[in-house]
Amino acid sequence: MKTFLTKFAAIATLATGMAFAQTPAPAAAPTPGQGKAAMRPRAGLRQRLLQALNLTPDQRQQAKTIFQQTKQNAQPIAQQARQNREALAAAVKANDTAQIQQLAAQQGNLQGQLLAMRSQSMAKFYAILTPDQRAKADQIQQRVEQRLQRMRQRQG
């Protein structure tokens, strides 16, 4: 059961990552072949998941409500996390070890809150699925985990 919950949290993180994505800092203009999709590869993951599961119109509406509520509830915490990261970067540059410890602990707390919100959101989403859709979601989740594992192995 613990393994299932860990795996489910991983797909929850990926599937709802767009809702909590940080706005990227201004950068150089994208080169040809790049664009918003290249900068945010997870942007369409949730949409692809919803399409792959072949949800009914009622399920689509319920899913939309679930994810919108989560996004709305998480926005203040995500904003705090962004501000905290900026303060942490300043503390690093100032070599303020006490401030670094305090801000790092706060950041961990904020990230934990966001993870809990995403996981609860996915649990609600999972509850509206039929048994067949759940099986399909599990298959998708396994493929995502395998891709993540391959990426981690390539990185080192």
C-alpha atoms as a PDB file:
ATOM      1  CA  MET A   1       0.000   0.000   0.000  1.00  0.00           C
ATOM      2  CA  LYS A   2       2.854   2.371   0.833  1.00  0.00           C
ATOM      3  CA  THR A   3       4.415   1.723  -2.582  1.00  0.00           C
ATOM      4  CA  PHE A   4       1.085   2.455  -4.250  1.00  0.00           C
ATOM      5  CA  LEU A   5       0.746   5.742  -2.374  1.00  0.00           C
ATOM      6  CA  THR A   6       4.308   6.701  -3.291  1.00  0.00           C
ATOM      7  CA  LYS A   7       3.644   5.961  -6.938  1.00  0.00           C
ATOM      8  CA  PHE A   8       0.325   7.766  -6.802  1.00  0.00           C
ATOM      9  CA  ALA A   9       2.008  10.817  -5.281  1.00  0.00           C
ATOM     10  CA  ALA A  10       4.513  10.803  -8.139  1.00  0.00           C
ATOM     11  CA  ILE A  11       1.808  10.907 -10.793  1.00  0.00           C
ATOM     12  CA  ALA A  12      -0.109  13.448  -8.742  1.00  0.00           C
ATOM     13  CA  THR A  13       2.926  15.666  -8.718  1.00  0.00           C
ATOM     14  CA  LEU A  14       3.375  15.363 -12.464  1.00  0.00           C
ATOM     15  CA  ALA A  15      -0.261  15.632 -13.406  1.00  0.00           C
ATOM     16  CA  THR A  16      -0.938  18.742 -11.387  1.00  0.00           C
ATOM     17  CA  GLY A  17       2.469  20.316 -11.706  1.00  0.00           C
ATOM     18  CA  MET A  18       1.130  22.823 -14.191  1.00  0.00           C
ATOM     19  CA  ALA A  19      -1.233  24.220 -11.596  1.00  0.00           C
ATOM     20  CA  PHE A  20       1.690  25.147  -9.389  1.00  0.00           C
ATOM     21  CA  ALA A  21       4.307  25.914 -12.004  1.00  0.00           C
ATOM     22  CA  GLN A  22       6.466  28.903 -11.258  1.00  0.00           C
ATOM     23  CA  THR A  23       6.473  31.578 -13.908  1.00  0.00           C
ATOM     24  CA  PRO A  24       9.882  31.361 -15.546  1.00  0.00           C
ATOM     25  CA  ALA A  25      12.243  34.284 -15.182  1.00  0.00           C
ATOM     26  CA  PRO A  26      12.656  36.402 -18.302  1.00  0.00           C
ATOM     27  CA  ALA A  27      15.301  34.857 -20.508  1.00  0.00           C
ATOM     28  CA  ALA A  28      16.704  35.159 -23.964  1.00  0.00           C
ATOM     29  CA  ALA A  29      14.274  34.662 -26.815  1.00  0.00           C
ATOM     30  CA  PRO A  30      13.662  30.998 -27.602  1.00  0.00           C
ATOM     31  CA  THR A  31      15.596  29.601 -30.498  1.00  0.00           C
ATOM     32  CA  PRO A  32      13.717  28.171 -33.479  1.00  0.00           C
ATOM     33  CA  GLY A  33      11.914  24.989 -32.551  1.00  0.00           C
ATOM     34  CA  GLN A  34      11.405  26.175 -29.007  1.00  0.00           C
ATOM     35  CA  GLY A  35       8.483  27.936 -27.489  1.00  0.00           C
ATOM     36  CA  LYS A  36       6.226  27.776 -24.486  1.00  0.00           C
ATOM     37  CA  ALA A  37       5.820  24.021 -24.833  1.00  0.00           C
ATOM     38  CA  ALA A  38       9.587  23.550 -24.846  1.00  0.00           C
ATOM     39  CA  MET A  39       9.973  25.707 -21.755  1.00  0.00           C
ATOM     40  CA  ARG A  40       7.174  23.918 -19.871  1.00  0.00           C
ATOM     41  CA  PRO A  41       7.126  20.287 -20.973  1.00  0.00           C
ATOM     42  CA  ARG A  42       4.582  19.298 -18.317  1.00  0.00           C
ATOM     43  CA  ALA A  43       2.089  21.914 -19.478  1.00  0.00           C
ATOM     44  CA  GLY A  44      -0.054  19.420 -21.378  1.00  0.00           C
ATOM     45  CA  LEU A  45       0.424  16.389 -19.135  1.00  0.00           C
ATOM     46  CA  ARG A  46      -2.842  16.770 -17.261  1.00  0.00           C
ATOM     47  CA  GLN A  47      -4.767  17.303 -20.503  1.00  0.00           C
ATOM     48  CA  ARG A  48      -3.185  14.204 -22.043  1.00  0.00           C
ATOM     49  CA  LEU A  49      -4.044  12.216 -18.918  1.00  0.00           C
ATOM     50  CA  LEU A  50      -7.666  13.346 -19.077  1.00  0.00           C
ATOM     51  CA  GLN A  51      -7.886  12.433 -22.771  1.00  0.00           C
ATOM     52  CA  ALA A  52      -6.231   9.050 -22.301  1.00  0.00           C
ATOM     53  CA  LEU A  53      -8.734   8.122 -19.600  1.00  0.00           C
ATOM     54  CA  ASN A  54     -11.692   8.903 -21.893  1.00  0.00           C
ATOM     55  CA  LEU A  55     -13.643  10.708 -19.189  1.00  0.00           C
ATOM     56  CA  THR A  56     -17.364  11.304 -19.441  1.00  0.00           C
ATOM     57  CA  PRO A  57     -18.521  14.937 -19.622  1.00  0.00           C
ATOM     58  CA  ASP A  58     -19.573  14.724 -15.959  1.00  0.00           C
ATOM     59  CA  GLN A  59     -16.168  13.354 -14.947  1.00  0.00           C
ATOM     60  CA  ARG A  60     -14.441  16.096 -16.964  1.00  0.00           C
ATOM     61  CA  GLN A  61     -16.447  18.748 -15.121  1.00  0.00           C
ATOM     62  CA  GLN A  62     -15.702  17.174 -11.750  1.00  0.00           C
ATOM     63  CA  ALA A  63     -11.995  16.952 -12.606  1.00  0.00           C
ATOM     64  CA  LYS A  64     -11.965  20.576 -13.738  1.00  0.00           C
ATOM     65  CA  THR A  65     -13.566  21.644 -10.455  1.00  0.00           C
ATOM     66  CA  ILE A  66     -11.122  19.569  -8.397  1.00  0.00           C
ATOM     67  CA  PHE A  67      -8.051  20.958 -10.159  1.00  0.00           C
ATOM     68  CA  GLN A  68      -9.330  24.552 -10.173  1.00  0.00           C
ATOM     69  CA  GLN A  69     -10.031  24.438  -6.433  1.00  0.00           C
ATOM     70  CA  THR A  70      -6.592  23.025  -5.780  1.00  0.00           C
ATOM     71  CA  LYS A  71      -4.948  25.692  -7.907  1.00  0.00           C
ATOM     72  CA  GLN A  72      -6.877  28.447  -6.155  1.00  0.00           C
ATOM     73  CA  ASN A  73      -6.078  27.090  -2.683  1.00  0.00           C
ATOM     74  CA  ALA A  74      -2.415  26.550  -3.517  1.00  0.00           C
ATOM     75  CA  GLN A  75      -1.705  29.930  -5.095  1.00  0.00           C
ATOM     76  CA  PRO A  76      -0.986  31.774  -1.825  1.00  0.00           C
ATOM     77  CA  ILE A  77       1.339  29.003  -0.644  1.00  0.00           C
ATOM     78  CA  ALA A  78       3.088  28.856  -4.025  1.00  0.00           C
ATOM     79  CA  GLN A  79       3.582  32.634  -3.858  1.00  0.00           C
ATOM     80  CA  GLN A  80       5.066  32.292  -0.366  1.00  0.00           C
ATOM     81  CA  ALA A  81       7.389  29.582  -1.660  1.00  0.00           C
ATOM     82  CA  ARG A  82       8.566  31.842  -4.518  1.00  0.00           C
ATOM     83  CA  GLN A  83       9.226  34.707  -2.108  1.00  0.00           C
ATOM     84  CA  ASN A  84      10.987  32.349   0.265  1.00  0.00           C
ATOM     85  CA  ARG A  85      13.247  31.056  -2.541  1.00  0.00           C
ATOM     86  CA  GLU A  86      14.218  34.635  -3.369  1.00  0.00           C
ATOM     87  CA  ALA A  87      14.993  35.356   0.285  1.00  0.00           C
ATOM     88  CA  LEU A  88      16.977  32.129   0.509  1.00  0.00           C
ATOM     89  CA  ALA A  89      19.035  33.108  -2.536  1.00  0.00           C
ATOM     90  CA  ALA A  90      19.788  36.460  -0.900  1.00  0.00           C
ATOM     91  CA  ALA A  91      20.790  34.728   2.348  1.00  0.00           C
ATOM     92  CA  VAL A  92      23.151  32.457   0.411  1.00  0.00           C
ATOM     93  CA  LYS A  93      24.804  35.452  -1.247  1.00  0.00           C
ATOM     94  CA  ALA A  94      25.122  37.146   2.141  1.00  0.00           C
ATOM     95  CA  ASN A  95      26.515  33.942   3.699  1.00  0.00           C
ATOM     96  CA  ASP A  96      23.925  34.228   6.489  1.00  0.00           C
ATOM     97  CA  THR A  97      23.911  30.641   7.756  1.00  0.00           C
ATOM     98  CA  ALA A  98      21.262  31.212  10.432  1.00  0.00           C
ATOM     99  CA  GLN A  99      18.908  32.767   7.893  1.00  0.00           C
ATOM    100  CA  ILE A 100      19.661  29.979   5.416  1.00  0.00           C
ATOM    101  CA  GLN A 101      18.663  27.343   7.996  1.00  0.00           C
ATOM    102  CA  GLN A 102      15.462  29.160   8.883  1.00  0.00           C
ATOM    103  CA  LEU A 103      14.426  29.798   5.275  1.00  0.00           C
ATOM    104  CA  ALA A 104      15.313  26.264   4.179  1.00  0.00           C
ATOM    105  CA  ALA A 105      13.085  24.857   6.920  1.00  0.00           C
ATOM    106  CA  GLN A 106      10.267  27.186   5.872  1.00  0.00           C
ATOM    107  CA  GLN A 107      10.729  26.178   2.236  1.00  0.00           C
ATOM    108  CA  GLY A 108      10.503  22.508   3.156  1.00  0.00           C
ATOM    109  CA  ASN A 109       7.280  23.180   5.034  1.00  0.00           C
ATOM    110  CA  LEU A 110       5.786  25.103   2.108  1.00  0.00           C
ATOM    111  CA  GLN A 111       6.785  22.424  -0.401  1.00  0.00           C
ATOM    112  CA  GLY A 112       5.279  19.792   1.892  1.00  0.00           C
ATOM    113  CA  GLN A 113       2.003  21.707   2.002  1.00  0.00           C
ATOM    114  CA  LEU A 114       1.939  21.941  -1.792  1.00  0.00           C
ATOM    115  CA  LEU A 115       2.698  18.235  -2.166  1.00  0.00           C
ATOM    116  CA  ALA A 116      -0.117  17.388   0.249  1.00  0.00           C
ATOM    117  CA  MET A 117      -2.526  19.580  -1.724  1.00  0.00           C
ATOM    118  CA  ARG A 118      -1.526  17.985  -5.031  1.00  0.00           C
ATOM    119  CA  SER A 119      -1.831  14.501  -3.555  1.00  0.00           C
ATOM    120  CA  GLN A 120      -5.252  15.244  -2.060  1.00  0.00           C
ATOM    121  CA  SER A 121      -6.353  16.659  -5.399  1.00  0.00           C
ATOM    122  CA  MET A 122      -5.267  13.514  -7.211  1.00  0.00           C
ATOM    123  CA  ALA A 123      -6.957  11.326  -4.594  1.00  0.00           C
ATOM    124  CA  LYS A 124     -10.225  13.185  -5.258  1.00  0.00           C
ATOM    125  CA  PHE A 125      -9.666  12.803  -8.995  1.00  0.00           C
ATOM    126  CA  TYR A 126      -8.904   9.095  -8.623  1.00  0.00           C
ATOM    127  CA  ALA A 127     -12.156   8.664  -6.663  1.00  0.00           C
ATOM    128  CA  ILE A 128     -14.269   9.804  -9.642  1.00  0.00           C
ATOM    129  CA  LEU A 129     -12.723   7.235 -11.995  1.00  0.00           C
ATOM    130  CA  THR A 130     -14.242   3.892 -12.909  1.00  0.00           C
ATOM    131  CA  PRO A 131     -12.231   0.734 -12.154  1.00  0.00           C
ATOM    132  CA  ASP A 132     -11.146   0.547 -15.823  1.00  0.00           C
ATOM    133  CA  GLN A 133     -10.053   4.183 -15.791  1.00  0.00           C
ATOM    134  CA  ARG A 134      -8.130   3.592 -12.575  1.00  0.00           C
ATOM    135  CA  ALA A 135      -6.310   0.681 -14.194  1.00  0.00           C
ATOM    136  CA  LYS A 136      -5.467   2.889 -17.184  1.00  0.00           C
ATOM    137  CA  ALA A 137      -4.285   5.676 -14.830  1.00  0.00           C
ATOM    138  CA  ASP A 138      -2.059   3.144 -13.071  1.00  0.00           C
ATOM    139  CA  GLN A 139      -0.537   2.114 -16.413  1.00  0.00           C
ATOM    140  CA  ILE A 140       0.115   5.740 -17.330  1.00  0.00           C
ATOM    141  CA  GLN A 141       1.650   6.334 -13.923  1.00  0.00           C
ATOM    142  CA  GLN A 142       3.978   3.356 -14.377  1.00  0.00           C
ATOM    143  CA  ARG A 143       5.146   4.680 -17.750  1.00  0.00           C
ATOM    144  CA  VAL A 144       5.783   8.110 -16.242  1.00  0.00           C
ATOM    145  CA  GLU A 145       7.805   6.550 -13.424  1.00  0.00           C
ATOM    146  CA  GLN A 146       9.852   4.512 -15.888  1.00  0.00           C
ATOM    147  CA  ARG A 147      10.625   7.634 -17.932  1.00  0.00           C
ATOM    148  CA  LEU A 148      11.611   9.523 -14.798  1.00  0.00           C
ATOM    149  CA  GLN A 149      13.877   6.687 -13.727  1.00  0.00           C
ATOM    150  CA  ARG A 150      15.581   6.620 -17.140  1.00  0.00           C
ATOM    151  CA  MET A 151      16.069  10.389 -16.999  1.00  0.00           C
ATOM    152  CA  ARG A 152      17.612  10.144 -13.533  1.00  0.00           C
ATOM    153  CA  GLN A 153      19.970   7.405 -14.697  1.00  0.00           C
ATOM    154  CA  ARG A 154      21.115   9.518 -17.643  1.00  0.00           C
ATOM    155  CA  GLN A 155      21.780  12.498 -15.391  1.00  0.00           C
ATOM    156  CA  GLY A 156      24.106  10.630 -13.249  1.00  0.00           C
END
